[in-house]
Amino acid sequence: MQRIYQHKNKQMKGFSFKYNLNKLVYFEQFEDMDSAILREKMLKKWNREWKNRLINELNPSWKDLYFDLVG
């Protein structure tokens, strides 16, 4: 949740900050940080079409899921 909050509030000076992206349209939960990092690295290697397909399968309207998570 901390990382999501940081991205949403532009505290991370990475890709999402550079391109003004602040909508959470996809996420996965992991038991441990190592698994999450491995998955993140794998997804970063995917091309845009593959990522879009993954999002469209689970969130076809590209709804911002952030507020569903924080309640």
PDB file of N, CA and C in Angstrom:
ATOM      1  N   MET A   1       0.814  -1.196   0.000  1.00  0.00           N
ATOM      2  CA  MET A   1       0.000   0.000   0.000  1.00  0.00           C
ATOM      3  C   MET A   1       0.861   1.265   0.000  1.00  0.00           C
ATOM      4  N   GLN A   2       1.999   1.180   0.648  1.00  0.00           N
ATOM      5  CA  GLN A   2       2.875   2.356   0.721  1.00  0.00           C
ATOM      6  C   GLN A   2       3.328   2.781  -0.670  1.00  0.00           C
ATOM      7  N   ARG A   3       3.716   1.810  -1.481  1.00  0.00           N
ATOM      8  CA  ARG A   3       4.198   2.121  -2.831  1.00  0.00           C
ATOM      9  C   ARG A   3       3.078   2.723  -3.688  1.00  0.00           C
ATOM     10  N   ILE A   4       1.890   2.196  -3.551  1.00  0.00           N
ATOM     11  CA  ILE A   4       0.748   2.730  -4.299  1.00  0.00           C
ATOM     12  C   ILE A   4       0.499   4.183  -3.897  1.00  0.00           C
ATOM     13  N   TYR A   5       0.520   4.443  -2.602  1.00  0.00           N
ATOM     14  CA  TYR A   5       0.322   5.802  -2.099  1.00  0.00           C
ATOM     15  C   TYR A   5       1.398   6.742  -2.650  1.00  0.00           C
ATOM     16  N   GLN A   6       2.641   6.278  -2.664  1.00  0.00           N
ATOM     17  CA  GLN A   6       3.748   7.103  -3.157  1.00  0.00           C
ATOM     18  C   GLN A   6       3.543   7.460  -4.624  1.00  0.00           C
ATOM     19  N   HIS A   7       3.139   6.495  -5.432  1.00  0.00           N
ATOM     20  CA  HIS A   7       2.890   6.768  -6.850  1.00  0.00           C
ATOM     21  C   HIS A   7       1.714   7.729  -7.015  1.00  0.00           C
ATOM     22  N   LYS A   8       0.647   7.474  -6.305  1.00  0.00           N
ATOM     23  CA  LYS A   8      -0.569   8.286  -6.425  1.00  0.00           C
ATOM     24  C   LYS A   8      -0.299   9.744  -6.058  1.00  0.00           C
ATOM     25  N   ASN A   9       0.604   9.958  -5.112  1.00  0.00           N
ATOM     26  CA  ASN A   9       0.904  11.304  -4.632  1.00  0.00           C
ATOM     27  C   ASN A   9       2.216  11.853  -5.182  1.00  0.00           C
ATOM     28  N   LYS A  10       2.688  11.235  -6.265  1.00  0.00           N
ATOM     29  CA  LYS A  10       3.865  11.702  -7.010  1.00  0.00           C
ATOM     30  C   LYS A  10       5.111  11.858  -6.137  1.00  0.00           C
ATOM     31  N   GLN A  11       5.292  10.924  -5.213  1.00  0.00           N
ATOM     32  CA  GLN A  11       6.471  10.925  -4.364  1.00  0.00           C
ATOM     33  C   GLN A  11       7.605  10.108  -4.980  1.00  0.00           C
ATOM     34  N   MET A  12       7.311   9.344  -6.020  1.00  0.00           N
ATOM     35  CA  MET A  12       8.313   8.531  -6.711  1.00  0.00           C
ATOM     36  C   MET A  12       8.649   9.226  -8.032  1.00  0.00           C
ATOM     37  N   LYS A  13       9.903   9.485  -8.267  1.00  0.00           N
ATOM     38  CA  LYS A  13      10.322  10.222  -9.468  1.00  0.00           C
ATOM     39  C   LYS A  13      10.637   9.268 -10.626  1.00  0.00           C
ATOM     40  N   GLY A  14       9.787   8.291 -10.847  1.00  0.00           N
ATOM     41  CA  GLY A  14      10.005   7.314 -11.902  1.00  0.00           C
ATOM     42  C   GLY A  14       9.082   7.526 -13.084  1.00  0.00           C
ATOM     43  N   PHE A  15       8.735   6.419 -13.737  1.00  0.00           N
ATOM     44  CA  PHE A  15       7.922   6.419 -14.947  1.00  0.00           C
ATOM     45  C   PHE A  15       6.579   7.117 -14.731  1.00  0.00           C
ATOM     46  N   SER A  16       5.889   6.766 -13.654  1.00  0.00           N
ATOM     47  CA  SER A  16       4.554   7.343 -13.423  1.00  0.00           C
ATOM     48  C   SER A  16       4.618   8.847 -13.175  1.00  0.00           C
ATOM     49  N   PHE A  17       5.676   9.310 -12.542  1.00  0.00           N
ATOM     50  CA  PHE A  17       5.854  10.749 -12.316  1.00  0.00           C
ATOM     51  C   PHE A  17       6.146  11.454 -13.637  1.00  0.00           C
ATOM     52  N   LYS A  18       7.059  10.880 -14.406  1.00  0.00           N
ATOM     53  CA  LYS A  18       7.484  11.488 -15.670  1.00  0.00           C
ATOM     54  C   LYS A  18       6.315  11.670 -16.640  1.00  0.00           C
ATOM     55  N   TYR A  19       5.419  10.683 -16.693  1.00  0.00           N
ATOM     56  CA  TYR A  19       4.316  10.720 -17.648  1.00  0.00           C
ATOM     57  C   TYR A  19       2.972  11.085 -17.002  1.00  0.00           C
ATOM     58  N   ASN A  20       3.027  11.593 -15.764  1.00  0.00           N
ATOM     59  CA  ASN A  20       1.839  12.058 -15.042  1.00  0.00           C
ATOM     60  C   ASN A  20       0.754  10.981 -14.961  1.00  0.00           C
ATOM     61  N   LEU A  21       1.167   9.773 -14.607  1.00  0.00           N
ATOM     62  CA  LEU A  21       0.233   8.658 -14.467  1.00  0.00           C
ATOM     63  C   LEU A  21      -0.110   8.485 -12.995  1.00  0.00           C
ATOM     64  N   ASN A  22      -1.375   8.569 -12.663  1.00  0.00           N
ATOM     65  CA  ASN A  22      -1.755   8.436 -11.260  1.00  0.00           C
ATOM     66  C   ASN A  22      -2.999   7.574 -11.063  1.00  0.00           C
ATOM     67  N   LYS A  23      -3.338   6.781 -12.056  1.00  0.00           N
ATOM     68  CA  LYS A  23      -4.514   5.926 -11.987  1.00  0.00           C
ATOM     69  C   LYS A  23      -4.059   4.473 -11.825  1.00  0.00           C
ATOM     70  N   LEU A  24      -4.525   3.813 -10.782  1.00  0.00           N
ATOM     71  CA  LEU A  24      -4.195   2.410 -10.539  1.00  0.00           C
ATOM     72  C   LEU A  24      -5.230   1.543 -11.243  1.00  0.00           C
ATOM     73  N   VAL A  25      -4.829   0.884 -12.323  1.00  0.00           N
ATOM     74  CA  VAL A  25      -5.771   0.069 -13.092  1.00  0.00           C
ATOM     75  C   VAL A  25      -5.489  -1.424 -12.967  1.00  0.00           C
ATOM     76  N   TYR A  26      -4.376  -1.772 -12.328  1.00  0.00           N
ATOM     77  CA  TYR A  26      -4.016  -3.180 -12.160  1.00  0.00           C
ATOM     78  C   TYR A  26      -3.089  -3.313 -10.959  1.00  0.00           C
ATOM     79  N   PHE A  27      -3.257  -4.366 -10.216  1.00  0.00           N
ATOM     80  CA  PHE A  27      -2.324  -4.655  -9.126  1.00  0.00           C
ATOM     81  C   PHE A  27      -2.359  -6.144  -8.803  1.00  0.00           C
ATOM     82  N   GLU A  28      -1.318  -6.599  -8.168  1.00  0.00           N
ATOM     83  CA  GLU A  28      -1.231  -7.961  -7.657  1.00  0.00           C
ATOM     84  C   GLU A  28      -0.734  -7.878  -6.227  1.00  0.00           C
ATOM     85  N   GLN A  29      -1.133  -8.833  -5.413  1.00  0.00           N
ATOM     86  CA  GLN A  29      -0.668  -8.887  -4.033  1.00  0.00           C
ATOM     87  C   GLN A  29       0.237 -10.100  -3.857  1.00  0.00           C
ATOM     88  N   PHE A  30       1.272  -9.941  -3.043  1.00  0.00           N
ATOM     89  CA  PHE A  30       2.246 -10.996  -2.810  1.00  0.00           C
ATOM     90  C   PHE A  30       2.493 -11.172  -1.325  1.00  0.00           C
ATOM     91  N   GLU A  31       2.901 -12.369  -0.958  1.00  0.00           N
ATOM     92  CA  GLU A  31       3.204 -12.672   0.437  1.00  0.00           C
ATOM     93  C   GLU A  31       4.518 -12.041   0.884  1.00  0.00           C
ATOM     94  N   ASP A  32       5.451 -11.891  -0.065  1.00  0.00           N
ATOM     95  CA  ASP A  32       6.761 -11.356   0.317  1.00  0.00           C
ATOM     96  C   ASP A  32       7.284 -10.406  -0.759  1.00  0.00           C
ATOM     97  N   MET A  33       8.195  -9.546  -0.360  1.00  0.00           N
ATOM     98  CA  MET A  33       8.738  -8.504  -1.233  1.00  0.00           C
ATOM     99  C   MET A  33       9.522  -9.097  -2.403  1.00  0.00           C
ATOM    100  N   ASP A  34      10.261 -10.171  -2.171  1.00  0.00           N
ATOM    101  CA  ASP A  34      11.056 -10.773  -3.249  1.00  0.00           C
ATOM    102  C   ASP A  34      10.176 -11.223  -4.411  1.00  0.00           C
ATOM    103  N   SER A  35       9.056 -11.844  -4.109  1.00  0.00           N
ATOM    104  CA  SER A  35       8.130 -12.286  -5.159  1.00  0.00           C
ATOM    105  C   SER A  35       7.552 -11.098  -5.917  1.00  0.00           C
ATOM    106  N   ALA A  36       7.227 -10.045  -5.199  1.00  0.00           N
ATOM    107  CA  ALA A  36       6.678  -8.840  -5.834  1.00  0.00           C
ATOM    108  C   ALA A  36       7.699  -8.206  -6.767  1.00  0.00           C
ATOM    109  N   ILE A  37       8.938  -8.137  -6.333  1.00  0.00           N
ATOM    110  CA  ILE A  37      10.000  -7.539  -7.155  1.00  0.00           C
ATOM    111  C   ILE A  37      10.244  -8.371  -8.401  1.00  0.00           C
ATOM    112  N   LEU A  38      10.255  -9.692  -8.267  1.00  0.00           N
ATOM    113  CA  LEU A  38      10.434 -10.565  -9.437  1.00  0.00           C
ATOM    114  C   LEU A  38       9.315 -10.351 -10.455  1.00  0.00           C
ATOM    115  N   ARG A  39       8.084 -10.268  -9.980  1.00  0.00           N
ATOM    116  CA  ARG A  39       6.946 -10.062 -10.881  1.00  0.00           C
ATOM    117  C   ARG A  39       7.021  -8.689 -11.547  1.00  0.00           C
ATOM    118  N   GLU A  40       7.389  -7.671 -10.781  1.00  0.00           N
ATOM    119  CA  GLU A  40       7.514  -6.326 -11.341  1.00  0.00           C
ATOM    120  C   GLU A  40       8.563  -6.300 -12.448  1.00  0.00           C
ATOM    121  N   LYS A  41       9.693  -6.948 -12.224  1.00  0.00           N
ATOM    122  CA  LYS A  41      10.743  -6.996 -13.246  1.00  0.00           C
ATOM    123  C   LYS A  41      10.264  -7.727 -14.485  1.00  0.00           C
ATOM    124  N   MET A  42       9.492  -8.803 -14.296  1.00  0.00           N
ATOM    125  CA  MET A  42       8.971  -9.547 -15.430  1.00  0.00           C
ATOM    126  C   MET A  42       8.004  -8.678 -16.238  1.00  0.00           C
ATOM    127  N   LEU A  43       7.088  -7.994 -15.553  1.00  0.00           N
ATOM    128  CA  LEU A  43       6.111  -7.153 -16.255  1.00  0.00           C
ATOM    129  C   LEU A  43       6.776  -5.990 -16.987  1.00  0.00           C
ATOM    130  N   LYS A  44       7.851  -5.477 -16.437  1.00  0.00           N
ATOM    131  CA  LYS A  44       8.555  -4.370 -17.093  1.00  0.00           C
ATOM    132  C   LYS A  44       9.161  -4.791 -18.431  1.00  0.00           C
ATOM    133  N   LYS A  45       9.402  -6.076 -18.602  1.00  0.00           N
ATOM    134  CA  LYS A  45       9.951  -6.590 -19.864  1.00  0.00           C
ATOM    135  C   LYS A  45       8.865  -6.805 -20.917  1.00  0.00           C
ATOM    136  N   TRP A  46       7.619  -6.839 -20.503  1.00  0.00           N
ATOM    137  CA  TRP A  46       6.514  -7.053 -21.432  1.00  0.00           C
ATOM    138  C   TRP A  46       6.311  -5.827 -22.313  1.00  0.00           C
ATOM    139  N   ASN A  47       5.824  -6.062 -23.537  1.00  0.00           N
ATOM    140  CA  ASN A  47       5.493  -4.920 -24.392  1.00  0.00           C
ATOM    141  C   ASN A  47       4.127  -4.358 -23.989  1.00  0.00           C
ATOM    142  N   ARG A  48       3.821  -3.197 -24.494  1.00  0.00           N
ATOM    143  CA  ARG A  48       2.594  -2.486 -24.110  1.00  0.00           C
ATOM    144  C   ARG A  48       1.338  -3.307 -24.422  1.00  0.00           C
ATOM    145  N   GLU A  49       1.305  -3.981 -25.555  1.00  0.00           N
ATOM    146  CA  GLU A  49       0.125  -4.765 -25.931  1.00  0.00           C
ATOM    147  C   GLU A  49      -0.166  -5.857 -24.900  1.00  0.00           C
ATOM    148  N   TRP A  50       0.871  -6.551 -24.448  1.00  0.00           N
ATOM    149  CA  TRP A  50       0.683  -7.608 -23.445  1.00  0.00           C
ATOM    150  C   TRP A  50       0.152  -7.023 -22.141  1.00  0.00           C
ATOM    151  N   LYS A  51       0.695  -5.888 -21.736  1.00  0.00           N
ATOM    152  CA  LYS A  51       0.243  -5.240 -20.497  1.00  0.00           C
ATOM    153  C   LYS A  51      -1.207  -4.778 -20.633  1.00  0.00           C
ATOM    154  N   ASN A  52      -1.544  -4.194 -21.766  1.00  0.00           N
ATOM    155  CA  ASN A  52      -2.923  -3.751 -21.997  1.00  0.00           C
ATOM    156  C   ASN A  52      -3.890  -4.930 -21.965  1.00  0.00           C
ATOM    157  N   ARG A  53      -3.494  -6.042 -22.550  1.00  0.00           N
ATOM    158  CA  ARG A  53      -4.343  -7.233 -22.561  1.00  0.00           C
ATOM    159  C   ARG A  53      -4.583  -7.735 -21.133  1.00  0.00           C
ATOM    160  N   LEU A  54      -3.535  -7.739 -20.326  1.00  0.00           N
ATOM    161  CA  LEU A  54      -3.655  -8.162 -18.929  1.00  0.00           C
ATOM    162  C   LEU A  54      -4.638  -7.265 -18.175  1.00  0.00           C
ATOM    163  N   ILE A  55      -4.512  -5.969 -18.357  1.00  0.00           N
ATOM    164  CA  ILE A  55      -5.419  -5.022 -17.695  1.00  0.00           C
ATOM    165  C   ILE A  55      -6.844  -5.209 -18.205  1.00  0.00           C
ATOM    166  N   ASN A  56      -7.012  -5.315 -19.515  1.00  0.00           N
ATOM    167  CA  ASN A  56      -8.350  -5.449 -20.106  1.00  0.00           C
ATOM    168  C   ASN A  56      -9.080  -6.701 -19.638  1.00  0.00           C
ATOM    169  N   GLU A  57      -8.332  -7.767 -19.365  1.00  0.00           N
ATOM    170  CA  GLU A  57      -8.956  -9.003 -18.890  1.00  0.00           C
ATOM    171  C   GLU A  57      -9.557  -8.825 -17.498  1.00  0.00           C
ATOM    172  N   LEU A  58      -8.892  -8.061 -16.647  1.00  0.00           N
ATOM    173  CA  LEU A  58      -9.314  -7.938 -15.251  1.00  0.00           C
ATOM    174  C   LEU A  58     -10.028  -6.628 -14.929  1.00  0.00           C
ATOM    175  N   ASN A  59      -9.805  -5.606 -15.746  1.00  0.00           N
ATOM    176  CA  ASN A  59     -10.399  -4.289 -15.490  1.00  0.00           C
ATOM    177  C   ASN A  59     -10.706  -3.619 -16.836  1.00  0.00           C
ATOM    178  N   PRO A  60     -11.683  -4.148 -17.577  1.00  0.00           N
ATOM    179  CA  PRO A  60     -11.937  -3.661 -18.940  1.00  0.00           C
ATOM    180  C   PRO A  60     -12.298  -2.183 -19.045  1.00  0.00           C
ATOM    181  N   SER A  61     -12.832  -1.597 -17.993  1.00  0.00           N
ATOM    182  CA  SER A  61     -13.173  -0.173 -18.044  1.00  0.00           C
ATOM    183  C   SER A  61     -12.020   0.711 -17.568  1.00  0.00           C
ATOM    184  N   TRP A  62     -10.925   0.110 -17.171  1.00  0.00           N
ATOM    185  CA  TRP A  62      -9.740   0.820 -16.666  1.00  0.00           C
ATOM    186  C   TRP A  62     -10.123   1.739 -15.504  1.00  0.00           C
ATOM    187  N   LYS A  63     -10.995   1.242 -14.645  1.00  0.00           N
ATOM    188  CA  LYS A  63     -11.414   1.971 -13.446  1.00  0.00           C
ATOM    189  C   LYS A  63     -10.216   2.150 -12.513  1.00  0.00           C
ATOM    190  N   ASP A  64     -10.134   3.293 -11.849  1.00  0.00           N
ATOM    191  CA  ASP A  64      -9.085   3.533 -10.855  1.00  0.00           C
ATOM    192  C   ASP A  64      -9.401   2.682  -9.622  1.00  0.00           C
ATOM    193  N   LEU A  65      -8.553   1.721  -9.327  1.00  0.00           N
ATOM    194  CA  LEU A  65      -8.786   0.765  -8.247  1.00  0.00           C
ATOM    195  C   LEU A  65      -8.261   1.235  -6.892  1.00  0.00           C
ATOM    196  N   TYR A  66      -7.609   2.363  -6.870  1.00  0.00           N
ATOM    197  CA  TYR A  66      -6.982   2.856  -5.642  1.00  0.00           C
ATOM    198  C   TYR A  66      -7.985   2.982  -4.498  1.00  0.00           C
ATOM    199  N   PHE A  67      -9.109   3.597  -4.756  1.00  0.00           N
ATOM    200  CA  PHE A  67     -10.081   3.853  -3.691  1.00  0.00           C
ATOM    201  C   PHE A  67     -10.781   2.576  -3.231  1.00  0.00           C
ATOM    202  N   ASP A  68     -10.846   1.564  -4.095  1.00  0.00           N
ATOM    203  CA  ASP A  68     -11.364   0.263  -3.672  1.00  0.00           C
ATOM    204  C   ASP A  68     -10.416  -0.379  -2.658  1.00  0.00           C
ATOM    205  N   LEU A  69      -9.136  -0.146  -2.832  1.00  0.00           N
ATOM    206  CA  LEU A  69      -8.139  -0.726  -1.923  1.00  0.00           C
ATOM    207  C   LEU A  69      -8.106  -0.039  -0.567  1.00  0.00           C
ATOM    208  N   VAL A  70      -8.188   1.281  -0.581  1.00  0.00           N
ATOM    209  CA  VAL A  70      -8.060   2.024   0.675  1.00  0.00           C
ATOM    210  C   VAL A  70      -9.398   2.177   1.399  1.00  0.00           C
ATOM    211  N   GLY A  71     -10.465   1.796   0.738  1.00  0.00           N
ATOM    212  CA  GLY A  71     -11.755   1.717   1.377  1.00  0.00           C
ATOM    213  C   GLY A  71     -12.549   2.924   1.470  1.00  0.00           C
TER     214      GLY A  71
END
